[in-house]
ModelCIF file with pLDDT and N, C-alpha, C, O atoms, coordinates in Angstrom:
data_MODEL
#
_entry.id   MODEL 
#
_entity.id                         1 
_entity.type                       polymer 
_entity.pdbx_number_of_molecules   1 
#
_entity_poly.entity_id                      1 
_entity_poly.type                           'polypeptide(L)' 
_entity_poly.nstd_linkage                   no 
_entity_poly.nstd_monomer                   no 
_entity_poly.pdbx_seq_one_letter_code       NAEQGWLKVDQHGADFVPLTKQDDWNGTPSPSPEHSPAVSLDLRSDA 
_entity_poly.pdbx_seq_one_letter_code_can   NAEQGWLKVDQHGADFVPLTKQDDWNGTPSPSPEHSPAVSLDLRSDA 
_entity_poly.pdbx_strand_id                 A 
#
loop_
_entity_poly_seq.entity_id 
_entity_poly_seq.num 
_entity_poly_seq.mon_id 
_entity_poly_seq.hetero 
1 1  ASN n 
1 2  ALA n 
1 3  GLU n 
1 4  GLN n 
1 5  GLY n 
1 6  TRP n 
1 7  LEU n 
1 8  LYS n 
1 9  VAL n 
1 10 ASP n 
1 11 GLN n 
1 12 HIS n 
1 13 GLY n 
1 14 ALA n 
1 15 ASP n 
1 16 PHE n 
1 17 VAL n 
1 18 PRO n 
1 19 LEU n 
1 20 THR n 
1 21 LYS n 
1 22 GLN n 
1 23 ASP n 
1 24 ASP n 
1 25 TRP n 
1 26 ASN n 
1 27 GLY n 
1 28 THR n 
1 29 PRO n 
1 30 SER n 
1 31 PRO n 
1 32 SER n 
1 33 PRO n 
1 34 GLU n 
1 35 HIS n 
1 36 SER n 
1 37 PRO n 
1 38 ALA n 
1 39 VAL n 
1 40 SER n 
1 41 LEU n 
1 42 ASP n 
1 43 LEU n 
1 44 ARG n 
1 45 SER n 
1 46 ASP n 
1 47 ALA n 
#
_struct_asym.id          A 
_struct_asym.entity_id   1 
#
loop_
_ma_qa_metric.id 
_ma_qa_metric.mode 
_ma_qa_metric.name 
_ma_qa_metric.software_group_id 
_ma_qa_metric.type 
1 global pLDDT . pLDDT 
2 local  pLDDT . pLDDT 
#
_ma_qa_metric_global.metric_id      1 
_ma_qa_metric_global.metric_value   86.32 
_ma_qa_metric_global.model_id       1 
_ma_qa_metric_global.ordinal_id     1 
#
loop_
_ma_qa_metric_local.label_asym_id 
_ma_qa_metric_local.label_comp_id 
_ma_qa_metric_local.label_seq_id 
_ma_qa_metric_local.metric_id 
_ma_qa_metric_local.metric_value 
_ma_qa_metric_local.model_id 
_ma_qa_metric_local.ordinal_id 
A ASN 1  2 90.00 1 1  
A ALA 2  2 91.00 1 2  
A GLU 3  2 91.00 1 3  
A GLN 4  2 90.00 1 4  
A GLY 5  2 90.00 1 5  
A TRP 6  2 90.00 1 6  
A LEU 7  2 91.00 1 7  
A LYS 8  2 89.00 1 8  
A VAL 9  2 83.00 1 9  
A ASP 10 2 84.00 1 10 
A GLN 11 2 84.00 1 11 
A HIS 12 2 81.00 1 12 
A GLY 13 2 78.00 1 13 
A ALA 14 2 80.00 1 14 
A ASP 15 2 86.00 1 15 
A PHE 16 2 88.00 1 16 
A VAL 17 2 88.00 1 17 
A PRO 18 2 89.00 1 18 
A LEU 19 2 88.00 1 19 
A THR 20 2 82.00 1 20 
A LYS 21 2 79.00 1 21 
A GLN 22 2 74.00 1 22 
A ASP 23 2 72.00 1 23 
A ASP 24 2 74.00 1 24 
A TRP 25 2 75.00 1 25 
A ASN 26 2 76.00 1 26 
A GLY 27 2 78.00 1 27 
A THR 28 2 79.00 1 28 
A PRO 29 2 84.00 1 29 
A SER 30 2 87.00 1 30 
A PRO 31 2 90.00 1 31 
A SER 32 2 91.00 1 32 
A PRO 33 2 92.00 1 33 
A GLU 34 2 92.00 1 34 
A HIS 35 2 91.00 1 35 
A SER 36 2 89.00 1 36 
A PRO 37 2 89.00 1 37 
A ALA 38 2 91.00 1 38 
A VAL 39 2 92.00 1 39 
A SER 40 2 91.00 1 40 
A LEU 41 2 93.00 1 41 
A ASP 42 2 93.00 1 42 
A LEU 43 2 92.00 1 43 
A ARG 44 2 92.00 1 44 
A SER 45 2 91.00 1 45 
A ASP 46 2 88.00 1 46 
A ALA 47 2 89.00 1 47 
#
loop_
_atom_site.group_PDB 
_atom_site.id 
_atom_site.type_symbol 
_atom_site.label_atom_id 
_atom_site.label_alt_id 
_atom_site.label_comp_id 
_atom_site.label_asym_id 
_atom_site.label_entity_id 
_atom_site.label_seq_id 
_atom_site.pdbx_PDB_ins_code 
_atom_site.Cartn_x 
_atom_site.Cartn_y 
_atom_site.Cartn_z 
_atom_site.occupancy 
_atom_site.B_iso_or_equiv 
_atom_site.pdbx_formal_charge 
_atom_site.auth_seq_id 
_atom_site.auth_comp_id 
_atom_site.auth_asym_id 
_atom_site.auth_atom_id 
_atom_site.pdbx_PDB_model_num 
ATOM 1   N N  . ASN A 1 1  ? -13.832 6.544   1.427  1.00 90.00 ? 1  ASN A N  1 
ATOM 2   C CA . ASN A 1 1  ? -12.728 6.364   2.908  1.00 90.00 ? 1  ASN A CA 1 
ATOM 3   C C  . ASN A 1 1  ? -11.574 6.630   2.605  1.00 90.00 ? 1  ASN A C  1 
ATOM 4   O O  . ASN A 1 1  ? -11.002 7.323   3.447  1.00 90.00 ? 1  ASN A O  1 
ATOM 5   N N  . ALA A 1 2  ? -10.733 6.238   1.347  1.00 91.00 ? 2  ALA A N  1 
ATOM 6   C CA . ALA A 1 2  ? -9.081  5.836   1.011  1.00 91.00 ? 2  ALA A CA 1 
ATOM 7   C C  . ALA A 1 2  ? -8.699  7.352   1.926  1.00 91.00 ? 2  ALA A C  1 
ATOM 8   O O  . ALA A 1 2  ? -9.197  8.350   2.447  1.00 91.00 ? 2  ALA A O  1 
ATOM 9   N N  . GLU A 1 3  ? -7.159  6.479   1.591  1.00 91.00 ? 3  GLU A N  1 
ATOM 10  C CA . GLU A 1 3  ? -6.921  7.784   2.506  1.00 91.00 ? 3  GLU A CA 1 
ATOM 11  C C  . GLU A 1 3  ? -5.379  7.302   1.605  1.00 91.00 ? 3  GLU A C  1 
ATOM 12  O O  . GLU A 1 3  ? -4.836  6.198   1.580  1.00 91.00 ? 3  GLU A O  1 
ATOM 13  N N  . GLN A 1 4  ? -4.896  8.836   0.793  1.00 90.00 ? 4  GLN A N  1 
ATOM 14  C CA . GLN A 1 4  ? -3.606  8.988   0.949  1.00 90.00 ? 4  GLN A CA 1 
ATOM 15  C C  . GLN A 1 4  ? -2.143  9.311   2.578  1.00 90.00 ? 4  GLN A C  1 
ATOM 16  O O  . GLN A 1 4  ? -2.224  9.738   3.730  1.00 90.00 ? 4  GLN A O  1 
ATOM 17  N N  . GLY A 1 5  ? -0.943  8.758   1.625  1.00 90.00 ? 5  GLY A N  1 
ATOM 18  C CA . GLY A 1 5  ? -0.135  8.755   2.830  1.00 90.00 ? 5  GLY A CA 1 
ATOM 19  C C  . GLY A 1 5  ? 0.992   8.192   1.986  1.00 90.00 ? 5  GLY A C  1 
ATOM 20  O O  . GLY A 1 5  ? 1.033   7.818   0.814  1.00 90.00 ? 5  GLY A O  1 
ATOM 21  N N  . TRP A 1 6  ? 2.150   8.269   3.231  1.00 90.00 ? 6  TRP A N  1 
ATOM 22  C CA . TRP A 1 6  ? 3.616   8.098   2.874  1.00 90.00 ? 6  TRP A CA 1 
ATOM 23  C C  . TRP A 1 6  ? 3.654   6.739   3.697  1.00 90.00 ? 6  TRP A C  1 
ATOM 24  O O  . TRP A 1 6  ? 3.325   6.618   4.877  1.00 90.00 ? 6  TRP A O  1 
ATOM 25  N N  . LEU A 1 7  ? 4.283   5.382   2.550  1.00 91.00 ? 7  LEU A N  1 
ATOM 26  C CA . LEU A 1 7  ? 4.174   4.388   3.372  1.00 91.00 ? 7  LEU A CA 1 
ATOM 27  C C  . LEU A 1 7  ? 5.709   3.738   3.567  1.00 91.00 ? 7  LEU A C  1 
ATOM 28  O O  . LEU A 1 7  ? 6.665   3.814   2.795  1.00 91.00 ? 7  LEU A O  1 
ATOM 29  N N  . LYS A 1 8  ? 5.627   3.185   4.649  1.00 89.00 ? 8  LYS A N  1 
ATOM 30  C CA . LYS A 1 8  ? 7.186   2.582   4.438  1.00 89.00 ? 8  LYS A CA 1 
ATOM 31  C C  . LYS A 1 8  ? 6.984   0.935   4.676  1.00 89.00 ? 8  LYS A C  1 
ATOM 32  O O  . LYS A 1 8  ? 6.207   0.634   5.582  1.00 89.00 ? 8  LYS A O  1 
ATOM 33  N N  . VAL A 1 9  ? 7.547   -0.023  4.022  1.00 83.00 ? 9  VAL A N  1 
ATOM 34  C CA . VAL A 1 9  ? 7.231   -0.927  4.889  1.00 83.00 ? 9  VAL A CA 1 
ATOM 35  C C  . VAL A 1 9  ? 9.151   -2.288  4.497  1.00 83.00 ? 9  VAL A C  1 
ATOM 36  O O  . VAL A 1 9  ? 9.828   -2.751  3.578  1.00 83.00 ? 9  VAL A O  1 
ATOM 37  N N  . ASP A 1 10 ? 9.083   -2.261  5.514  1.00 84.00 ? 10 ASP A N  1 
ATOM 38  C CA . ASP A 1 10 ? 10.451  -3.908  5.609  1.00 84.00 ? 10 ASP A CA 1 
ATOM 39  C C  . ASP A 1 10 ? 9.757   -4.425  6.783  1.00 84.00 ? 10 ASP A C  1 
ATOM 40  O O  . ASP A 1 10 ? 8.602   -4.227  7.161  1.00 84.00 ? 10 ASP A O  1 
ATOM 41  N N  . GLN A 1 11 ? 11.225  -5.526  7.564  1.00 84.00 ? 11 GLN A N  1 
ATOM 42  C CA . GLN A 1 11 ? 11.044  -6.744  8.391  1.00 84.00 ? 11 GLN A CA 1 
ATOM 43  C C  . GLN A 1 11 ? 9.935   -6.572  9.592  1.00 84.00 ? 11 GLN A C  1 
ATOM 44  O O  . GLN A 1 11 ? 9.207   -7.426  10.097 1.00 84.00 ? 11 GLN A O  1 
ATOM 45  N N  . HIS A 1 12 ? 10.084  -4.894  9.927  1.00 81.00 ? 12 HIS A N  1 
ATOM 46  C CA . HIS A 1 12 ? 8.956   -4.411  11.486 1.00 81.00 ? 12 HIS A CA 1 
ATOM 47  C C  . HIS A 1 12 ? 8.250   -4.435  11.256 1.00 81.00 ? 12 HIS A C  1 
ATOM 48  O O  . HIS A 1 12 ? 7.489   -4.735  12.176 1.00 81.00 ? 12 HIS A O  1 
ATOM 49  N N  . GLY A 1 13 ? 7.389   -4.135  9.566  1.00 78.00 ? 13 GLY A N  1 
ATOM 50  C CA . GLY A 1 13 ? 5.921   -4.174  9.417  1.00 78.00 ? 13 GLY A CA 1 
ATOM 51  C C  . GLY A 1 13 ? 5.231   -2.906  8.671  1.00 78.00 ? 13 GLY A C  1 
ATOM 52  O O  . GLY A 1 13 ? 6.202   -2.976  7.917  1.00 78.00 ? 13 GLY A O  1 
ATOM 53  N N  . ALA A 1 14 ? 4.785   -2.260  8.370  1.00 80.00 ? 14 ALA A N  1 
ATOM 54  C CA . ALA A 1 14 ? 4.032   -1.976  7.786  1.00 80.00 ? 14 ALA A CA 1 
ATOM 55  C C  . ALA A 1 14 ? 4.130   -0.195  8.316  1.00 80.00 ? 14 ALA A C  1 
ATOM 56  O O  . ALA A 1 14 ? 3.287   -0.159  9.212  1.00 80.00 ? 14 ALA A O  1 
ATOM 57  N N  . ASP A 1 15 ? 4.800   1.399   8.181  1.00 86.00 ? 15 ASP A N  1 
ATOM 58  C CA . ASP A 1 15 ? 4.624   2.518   8.646  1.00 86.00 ? 15 ASP A CA 1 
ATOM 59  C C  . ASP A 1 15 ? 2.934   3.463   7.687  1.00 86.00 ? 15 ASP A C  1 
ATOM 60  O O  . ASP A 1 15 ? 3.185   3.917   6.571  1.00 86.00 ? 15 ASP A O  1 
ATOM 61  N N  . PHE A 1 16 ? 2.066   3.569   7.998  1.00 88.00 ? 16 PHE A N  1 
ATOM 62  C CA . PHE A 1 16 ? 1.582   4.205   7.115  1.00 88.00 ? 16 PHE A CA 1 
ATOM 63  C C  . PHE A 1 16 ? 1.367   5.362   7.916  1.00 88.00 ? 16 PHE A C  1 
ATOM 64  O O  . PHE A 1 16 ? 1.309   5.431   9.143  1.00 88.00 ? 16 PHE A O  1 
ATOM 65  N N  . VAL A 1 17 ? 1.254   6.275   7.053  1.00 88.00 ? 17 VAL A N  1 
ATOM 66  C CA . VAL A 1 17 ? 2.029   8.258   7.495  1.00 88.00 ? 17 VAL A CA 1 
ATOM 67  C C  . VAL A 1 17 ? 0.834   8.688   6.649  1.00 88.00 ? 17 VAL A C  1 
ATOM 68  O O  . VAL A 1 17 ? 1.044   9.052   5.492  1.00 88.00 ? 17 VAL A O  1 
ATOM 69  N N  . PRO A 1 18 ? -1.121  8.663   7.425  1.00 89.00 ? 18 PRO A N  1 
ATOM 70  C CA . PRO A 1 18 ? -1.780  9.401   6.609  1.00 89.00 ? 18 PRO A CA 1 
ATOM 71  C C  . PRO A 1 18 ? -1.213  10.742  6.413  1.00 89.00 ? 18 PRO A C  1 
ATOM 72  O O  . PRO A 1 18 ? -0.391  10.997  7.293  1.00 89.00 ? 18 PRO A O  1 
ATOM 73  N N  . LEU A 1 19 ? -1.413  11.921  5.343  1.00 88.00 ? 19 LEU A N  1 
ATOM 74  C CA . LEU A 1 19 ? -1.477  13.163  4.570  1.00 88.00 ? 19 LEU A CA 1 
ATOM 75  C C  . LEU A 1 19 ? -2.570  13.387  5.753  1.00 88.00 ? 19 LEU A C  1 
ATOM 76  O O  . LEU A 1 19 ? -3.274  12.551  6.319  1.00 88.00 ? 19 LEU A O  1 
ATOM 77  N N  . THR A 1 20 ? -2.462  15.028  5.968  1.00 82.00 ? 20 THR A N  1 
ATOM 78  C CA . THR A 1 20 ? -3.747  16.217  7.033  1.00 82.00 ? 20 THR A CA 1 
ATOM 79  C C  . THR A 1 20 ? -4.737  16.335  6.032  1.00 82.00 ? 20 THR A C  1 
ATOM 80  O O  . THR A 1 20 ? -5.949  16.412  6.231  1.00 82.00 ? 20 THR A O  1 
ATOM 81  N N  . LYS A 1 21 ? -4.058  16.348  4.775  1.00 79.00 ? 21 LYS A N  1 
ATOM 82  C CA . LYS A 1 21 ? -5.230  17.014  4.246  1.00 79.00 ? 21 LYS A CA 1 
ATOM 83  C C  . LYS A 1 21 ? -5.300  16.361  2.627  1.00 79.00 ? 21 LYS A C  1 
ATOM 84  O O  . LYS A 1 21 ? -4.238  16.308  2.007  1.00 79.00 ? 21 LYS A O  1 
ATOM 85  N N  . GLN A 1 22 ? -6.308  15.972  2.105  1.00 74.00 ? 22 GLN A N  1 
ATOM 86  C CA . GLN A 1 22 ? -6.250  15.195  0.802  1.00 74.00 ? 22 GLN A CA 1 
ATOM 87  C C  . GLN A 1 22 ? -5.736  16.006  -0.108 1.00 74.00 ? 22 GLN A C  1 
ATOM 88  O O  . GLN A 1 22 ? -5.832  17.228  -0.220 1.00 74.00 ? 22 GLN A O  1 
ATOM 89  N N  . ASP A 1 23 ? -5.035  15.007  -0.919 1.00 72.00 ? 23 ASP A N  1 
ATOM 90  C CA . ASP A 1 23 ? -3.495  15.610  -1.743 1.00 72.00 ? 23 ASP A CA 1 
ATOM 91  C C  . ASP A 1 23 ? -2.548  17.053  -2.086 1.00 72.00 ? 23 ASP A C  1 
ATOM 92  O O  . ASP A 1 23 ? -2.065  17.724  -2.998 1.00 72.00 ? 23 ASP A O  1 
ATOM 93  N N  . ASP A 1 24 ? -2.738  16.921  -0.224 1.00 74.00 ? 24 ASP A N  1 
ATOM 94  C CA . ASP A 1 24 ? -1.730  18.082  -0.218 1.00 74.00 ? 24 ASP A CA 1 
ATOM 95  C C  . ASP A 1 24 ? -0.168  17.298  0.595  1.00 74.00 ? 24 ASP A C  1 
ATOM 96  O O  . ASP A 1 24 ? 0.262   17.110  1.734  1.00 74.00 ? 24 ASP A O  1 
ATOM 97  N N  . TRP A 1 25 ? 0.358   16.971  -1.186 1.00 75.00 ? 25 TRP A N  1 
ATOM 98  C CA . TRP A 1 25 ? 1.902   16.522  -0.613 1.00 75.00 ? 25 TRP A CA 1 
ATOM 99  C C  . TRP A 1 25 ? 2.530   17.223  0.124  1.00 75.00 ? 25 TRP A C  1 
ATOM 100 O O  . TRP A 1 25 ? 3.053   17.010  1.218  1.00 75.00 ? 25 TRP A O  1 
ATOM 101 N N  . ASN A 1 26 ? 2.455   18.285  -0.658 1.00 76.00 ? 26 ASN A N  1 
ATOM 102 C CA . ASN A 1 26 ? 3.958   19.236  0.620  1.00 76.00 ? 26 ASN A CA 1 
ATOM 103 C C  . ASN A 1 26 ? 2.886   19.300  1.661  1.00 76.00 ? 26 ASN A C  1 
ATOM 104 O O  . ASN A 1 26 ? 3.598   18.947  2.602  1.00 76.00 ? 26 ASN A O  1 
ATOM 105 N N  . GLY A 1 27 ? 1.489   19.519  2.303  1.00 78.00 ? 27 GLY A N  1 
ATOM 106 C CA . GLY A 1 27 ? 1.427   19.948  3.430  1.00 78.00 ? 27 GLY A CA 1 
ATOM 107 C C  . GLY A 1 27 ? 1.897   18.449  4.337  1.00 78.00 ? 27 GLY A C  1 
ATOM 108 O O  . GLY A 1 27 ? 1.663   18.512  5.544  1.00 78.00 ? 27 GLY A O  1 
ATOM 109 N N  . THR A 1 28 ? 2.354   17.509  3.969  1.00 79.00 ? 28 THR A N  1 
ATOM 110 C CA . THR A 1 28 ? 2.573   16.645  4.826  1.00 79.00 ? 28 THR A CA 1 
ATOM 111 C C  . THR A 1 28 ? 3.918   15.625  4.359  1.00 79.00 ? 28 THR A C  1 
ATOM 112 O O  . THR A 1 28 ? 3.860   14.433  4.058  1.00 79.00 ? 28 THR A O  1 
ATOM 113 N N  . PRO A 1 29 ? 5.272   16.619  4.417  1.00 84.00 ? 29 PRO A N  1 
ATOM 114 C CA . PRO A 1 29 ? 5.754   16.044  4.767  1.00 84.00 ? 29 PRO A CA 1 
ATOM 115 C C  . PRO A 1 29 ? 6.673   14.449  4.483  1.00 84.00 ? 29 PRO A C  1 
ATOM 116 O O  . PRO A 1 29 ? 6.562   13.785  5.513  1.00 84.00 ? 29 PRO A O  1 
ATOM 117 N N  . SER A 1 30 ? 7.320   13.863  3.659  1.00 87.00 ? 30 SER A N  1 
ATOM 118 C CA . SER A 1 30 ? 7.767   12.402  4.456  1.00 87.00 ? 30 SER A CA 1 
ATOM 119 C C  . SER A 1 30 ? 8.142   12.067  5.548  1.00 87.00 ? 30 SER A C  1 
ATOM 120 O O  . SER A 1 30 ? 9.019   12.804  5.998  1.00 87.00 ? 30 SER A O  1 
ATOM 121 N N  . PRO A 1 31 ? 7.868   11.315  6.128  1.00 90.00 ? 31 PRO A N  1 
ATOM 122 C CA . PRO A 1 31 ? 8.280   10.915  7.935  1.00 90.00 ? 31 PRO A CA 1 
ATOM 123 C C  . PRO A 1 31 ? 9.917   10.705  7.720  1.00 90.00 ? 31 PRO A C  1 
ATOM 124 O O  . PRO A 1 31 ? 10.756  10.721  8.620  1.00 90.00 ? 31 PRO A O  1 
ATOM 125 N N  . SER A 1 32 ? 10.132  10.525  6.456  1.00 91.00 ? 32 SER A N  1 
ATOM 126 C CA . SER A 1 32 ? 11.567  9.422   6.726  1.00 91.00 ? 32 SER A CA 1 
ATOM 127 C C  . SER A 1 32 ? 11.900  9.194   4.724  1.00 91.00 ? 32 SER A C  1 
ATOM 128 O O  . SER A 1 32 ? 10.954  8.773   4.059  1.00 91.00 ? 32 SER A O  1 
ATOM 129 N N  . PRO A 1 33 ? 13.278  9.520   3.990  1.00 92.00 ? 33 PRO A N  1 
ATOM 130 C CA . PRO A 1 33 ? 13.462  8.698   2.821  1.00 92.00 ? 33 PRO A CA 1 
ATOM 131 C C  . PRO A 1 33 ? 12.839  7.078   2.395  1.00 92.00 ? 33 PRO A C  1 
ATOM 132 O O  . PRO A 1 33 ? 12.743  6.611   1.260  1.00 92.00 ? 33 PRO A O  1 
ATOM 133 N N  . GLU A 1 34 ? 12.527  6.536   3.489  1.00 92.00 ? 34 GLU A N  1 
ATOM 134 C CA . GLU A 1 34 ? 12.290  5.121   2.984  1.00 92.00 ? 34 GLU A CA 1 
ATOM 135 C C  . GLU A 1 34 ? 10.637  5.244   2.737  1.00 92.00 ? 34 GLU A C  1 
ATOM 136 O O  . GLU A 1 34 ? 10.246  4.362   1.972  1.00 92.00 ? 34 GLU A O  1 
ATOM 137 N N  . HIS A 1 35 ? 9.548   6.167   3.225  1.00 91.00 ? 35 HIS A N  1 
ATOM 138 C CA . HIS A 1 35 ? 8.127   6.158   2.733  1.00 91.00 ? 35 HIS A CA 1 
ATOM 139 C C  . HIS A 1 35 ? 8.338   6.980   1.723  1.00 91.00 ? 35 HIS A C  1 
ATOM 140 O O  . HIS A 1 35 ? 9.164   7.836   1.408  1.00 91.00 ? 35 HIS A O  1 
ATOM 141 N N  . SER A 1 36 ? 7.042   6.332   1.148  1.00 89.00 ? 36 SER A N  1 
ATOM 142 C CA . SER A 1 36 ? 7.300   6.936   -0.097 1.00 89.00 ? 36 SER A CA 1 
ATOM 143 C C  . SER A 1 36 ? 5.312   6.897   -0.332 1.00 89.00 ? 36 SER A C  1 
ATOM 144 O O  . SER A 1 36 ? 4.577   6.272   0.432  1.00 89.00 ? 36 SER A O  1 
ATOM 145 N N  . PRO A 1 37 ? 4.876   7.609   -1.387 1.00 89.00 ? 37 PRO A N  1 
ATOM 146 C CA . PRO A 1 37 ? 3.622   7.995   -0.839 1.00 89.00 ? 37 PRO A CA 1 
ATOM 147 C C  . PRO A 1 37 ? 3.173   6.318   -1.856 1.00 89.00 ? 37 PRO A C  1 
ATOM 148 O O  . PRO A 1 37 ? 3.721   5.584   -2.678 1.00 89.00 ? 37 PRO A O  1 
ATOM 149 N N  . ALA A 1 38 ? 1.760   6.417   -1.067 1.00 91.00 ? 38 ALA A N  1 
ATOM 150 C CA . ALA A 1 38 ? 0.780   5.564   -1.093 1.00 91.00 ? 38 ALA A CA 1 
ATOM 151 C C  . ALA A 1 38 ? -1.028  5.722   -1.174 1.00 91.00 ? 38 ALA A C  1 
ATOM 152 O O  . ALA A 1 38 ? -1.867  6.622   -1.131 1.00 91.00 ? 38 ALA A O  1 
ATOM 153 N N  . VAL A 1 39 ? -0.984  4.510   -1.291 1.00 92.00 ? 39 VAL A N  1 
ATOM 154 C CA . VAL A 1 39 ? -2.833  5.196   -0.809 1.00 92.00 ? 39 VAL A CA 1 
ATOM 155 C C  . VAL A 1 39 ? -3.274  3.473   0.137  1.00 92.00 ? 39 VAL A C  1 
ATOM 156 O O  . VAL A 1 39 ? -2.778  2.361   -0.043 1.00 92.00 ? 39 VAL A O  1 
ATOM 157 N N  . SER A 1 40 ? -4.221  3.853   0.983  1.00 91.00 ? 40 SER A N  1 
ATOM 158 C CA . SER A 1 40 ? -4.933  3.014   2.161  1.00 91.00 ? 40 SER A CA 1 
ATOM 159 C C  . SER A 1 40 ? -6.068  3.311   2.091  1.00 91.00 ? 40 SER A C  1 
ATOM 160 O O  . SER A 1 40 ? -6.379  4.457   2.415  1.00 91.00 ? 40 SER A O  1 
ATOM 161 N N  . LEU A 1 41 ? -7.402  2.084   1.503  1.00 93.00 ? 41 LEU A N  1 
ATOM 162 C CA . LEU A 1 41 ? -7.906  1.726   1.749  1.00 93.00 ? 41 LEU A CA 1 
ATOM 163 C C  . LEU A 1 41 ? -9.189  0.548   2.050  1.00 93.00 ? 41 LEU A C  1 
ATOM 164 O O  . LEU A 1 41 ? -8.705  -0.255  2.847  1.00 93.00 ? 41 LEU A O  1 
ATOM 165 N N  . ASP A 1 42 ? -10.568 0.158   1.732  1.00 93.00 ? 42 ASP A N  1 
ATOM 166 C CA . ASP A 1 42 ? -10.918 -1.082  2.230  1.00 93.00 ? 42 ASP A CA 1 
ATOM 167 C C  . ASP A 1 42 ? -11.641 -1.442  1.906  1.00 93.00 ? 42 ASP A C  1 
ATOM 168 O O  . ASP A 1 42 ? -12.742 -0.909  1.766  1.00 93.00 ? 42 ASP A O  1 
ATOM 169 N N  . LEU A 1 43 ? -11.182 -2.953  1.541  1.00 92.00 ? 43 LEU A N  1 
ATOM 170 C CA . LEU A 1 43 ? -11.999 -3.698  0.420  1.00 92.00 ? 43 LEU A CA 1 
ATOM 171 C C  . LEU A 1 43 ? -12.524 -5.236  0.622  1.00 92.00 ? 43 LEU A C  1 
ATOM 172 O O  . LEU A 1 43 ? -11.932 -6.061  1.317  1.00 92.00 ? 43 LEU A O  1 
ATOM 173 N N  . ARG A 1 44 ? -14.170 -5.576  -0.362 1.00 92.00 ? 44 ARG A N  1 
ATOM 174 C CA . ARG A 1 44 ? -14.672 -6.459  0.337  1.00 92.00 ? 44 ARG A CA 1 
ATOM 175 C C  . ARG A 1 44 ? -14.763 -7.506  -0.643 1.00 92.00 ? 44 ARG A C  1 
ATOM 176 O O  . ARG A 1 44 ? -15.609 -7.188  -1.479 1.00 92.00 ? 44 ARG A O  1 
ATOM 177 N N  . SER A 1 45 ? -14.280 -8.539  -0.870 1.00 91.00 ? 45 SER A N  1 
ATOM 178 C CA . SER A 1 45 ? -14.297 -9.808  -1.932 1.00 91.00 ? 45 SER A CA 1 
ATOM 179 C C  . SER A 1 45 ? -14.577 -10.314 -0.915 1.00 91.00 ? 45 SER A C  1 
ATOM 180 O O  . SER A 1 45 ? -14.444 -9.961  0.256  1.00 91.00 ? 45 SER A O  1 
ATOM 181 N N  . ASP A 1 46 ? -15.264 -11.782 -1.719 1.00 88.00 ? 46 ASP A N  1 
ATOM 182 C CA . ASP A 1 46 ? -15.180 -13.295 -1.270 1.00 88.00 ? 46 ASP A CA 1 
ATOM 183 C C  . ASP A 1 46 ? -14.508 -13.943 -2.142 1.00 88.00 ? 46 ASP A C  1 
ATOM 184 O O  . ASP A 1 46 ? -14.946 -15.026 -2.531 1.00 88.00 ? 46 ASP A O  1 
ATOM 185 N N  . ALA A 1 47 ? -13.502 -13.517 -2.557 1.00 89.00 ? 47 ALA A N  1 
ATOM 186 C CA . ALA A 1 47 ? -11.573 -13.604 -3.060 1.00 89.00 ? 47 ALA A CA 1 
ATOM 187 C C  . ALA A 1 47 ? -11.100 -14.766 -2.419 1.00 89.00 ? 47 ALA A C  1 
ATOM 188 O O  . ALA A 1 47 ? -9.921  -15.100 -2.538 1.00 89.00 ? 47 ALA A O  1 
#
């Protein structure tokens, strides 16, 4: 269930915009020059 998308992190927090289709970087243009390619997923640990 990992998602690829565009991520911007600043003093206001994180803004993640998922790609509309997996691996389709041209189909979901970057929302702003401050957003960069990223991945998002859940993980679990007792660490």
